[in-house]
């Protein structure tokens, strides 16, 4: 699973719009859109941290460690988590 699919599937599972995630992660809506579209498939550690922190605030907080691990692995290796 690609980084774009991981972010989009988690965002949808939480029930957030791209604007909601952007606000929580302190990123622009355009940046979230680029990540989900696969245009920005390689993101830096700060962006990964912002995304992970945003999702940790959601009801998925209990799944945070597994999700973050998969997200980082996908971003670094471009492989399925």
Protein backbone atom coordinates (compact mmCIF):
# COMPACT_ATOMS: atom_id res chain seq x y z
CA UNK A 1 0.00 0.00 0.00
CA UNK A 2 1.39 3.39 -0.96
CA UNK A 3 1.75 6.37 1.31
CA UNK A 4 -1.07 8.09 -0.58
CA UNK A 5 -3.47 5.21 0.09
CA UNK A 6 -2.44 4.95 3.73
CA UNK A 7 -3.12 8.62 4.39
CA UNK A 8 -6.38 8.66 2.45
CA UNK A 9 -7.72 5.46 4.03
CA UNK A 10 -6.90 6.65 7.56
CA UNK A 11 -8.39 10.07 6.90
CA UNK A 12 -11.61 8.54 5.59
CA UNK A 13 -11.76 6.01 8.45
CA UNK A 14 -11.55 8.87 10.94
CA UNK A 15 -14.26 10.72 9.03
CA UNK A 16 -12.17 13.78 8.19
CA UNK A 17 -12.14 15.81 5.02
CA UNK A 18 -8.81 16.82 3.52
CA UNK A 19 -9.36 20.24 5.09
CA UNK A 20 -9.91 18.64 8.51
CA UNK A 21 -6.67 16.67 8.25
CA UNK A 22 -4.79 19.72 7.00
CA UNK A 23 -5.98 21.72 9.99
CA UNK A 24 -5.12 18.98 12.50
CA UNK A 25 -1.70 18.36 10.91
CA UNK A 26 -0.94 22.05 10.40
CA UNK A 27 -0.39 21.45 6.68
CA UNK A 28 -2.13 23.02 3.71
CA UNK A 29 -5.12 21.35 2.10
CA UNK A 30 -3.14 21.43 -1.16
CA UNK A 31 -0.33 19.45 0.52
CA UNK A 32 -2.77 16.80 1.76
CA UNK A 33 -4.28 16.62 -1.73
CA UNK A 34 -0.83 16.17 -3.32
CA UNK A 35 0.09 13.42 -0.84
CA UNK A 36 -3.19 11.55 -1.39
CA UNK A 37 -2.93 11.91 -5.18
CA UNK A 38 0.56 10.44 -5.12
CA UNK A 39 2.04 13.65 -6.55
CA UNK A 40 4.02 14.05 -3.35
CA UNK A 41 4.95 10.43 -2.65
CA UNK A 42 8.14 11.26 -0.76
CA UNK A 43 7.59 13.35 2.33
CA UNK A 44 10.07 14.40 4.96
CA UNK A 45 10.19 13.42 8.60
CA UNK A 46 8.50 16.64 9.75
CA UNK A 47 5.49 16.05 7.49
CA UNK A 48 5.28 12.41 8.63
CA UNK A 49 5.41 13.58 12.22
CA UNK A 50 2.64 16.12 11.62
CA UNK A 51 0.42 13.51 9.97
CA UNK A 52 1.06 10.95 12.70
CA UNK A 53 0.41 13.50 15.43
CA UNK A 54 -2.86 14.54 13.79
CA UNK A 55 -4.09 10.95 13.58
CA UNK A 56 -2.97 10.29 17.16
CA UNK A 57 -5.50 12.95 18.24
CA UNK A 58 -8.29 11.01 16.56
CA UNK A 59 -10.17 7.95 17.76
CA UNK A 60 -7.36 5.98 16.13
CA UNK A 61 -4.97 6.99 18.89
CA UNK A 62 -4.87 3.40 20.15
CA UNK A 63 -3.68 2.26 16.72
CA UNK A 64 -1.14 5.06 16.53
CA UNK A 65 2.03 2.99 16.94
CA UNK A 66 1.13 0.42 14.28
CA UNK A 67 -0.10 3.09 11.90
CA UNK A 68 2.98 5.26 12.33
CA UNK A 69 5.25 2.29 11.80
CA UNK A 70 3.46 1.42 8.55
CA UNK A 71 3.44 5.02 7.39
CA UNK A 72 7.14 5.51 7.94
CA UNK A 73 7.99 2.17 6.29
CA UNK A 74 5.85 3.04 3.25
CA UNK A 75 7.41 6.49 2.97
CA UNK A 76 10.95 5.21 3.25
CA UNK A 77 10.76 1.98 1.27
CA UNK A 78 7.71 2.71 -0.90
CA UNK A 79 6.45 -0.77 0.00
CA UNK A 80 3.30 -2.03 1.60
CA UNK A 81 3.19 -1.72 5.39
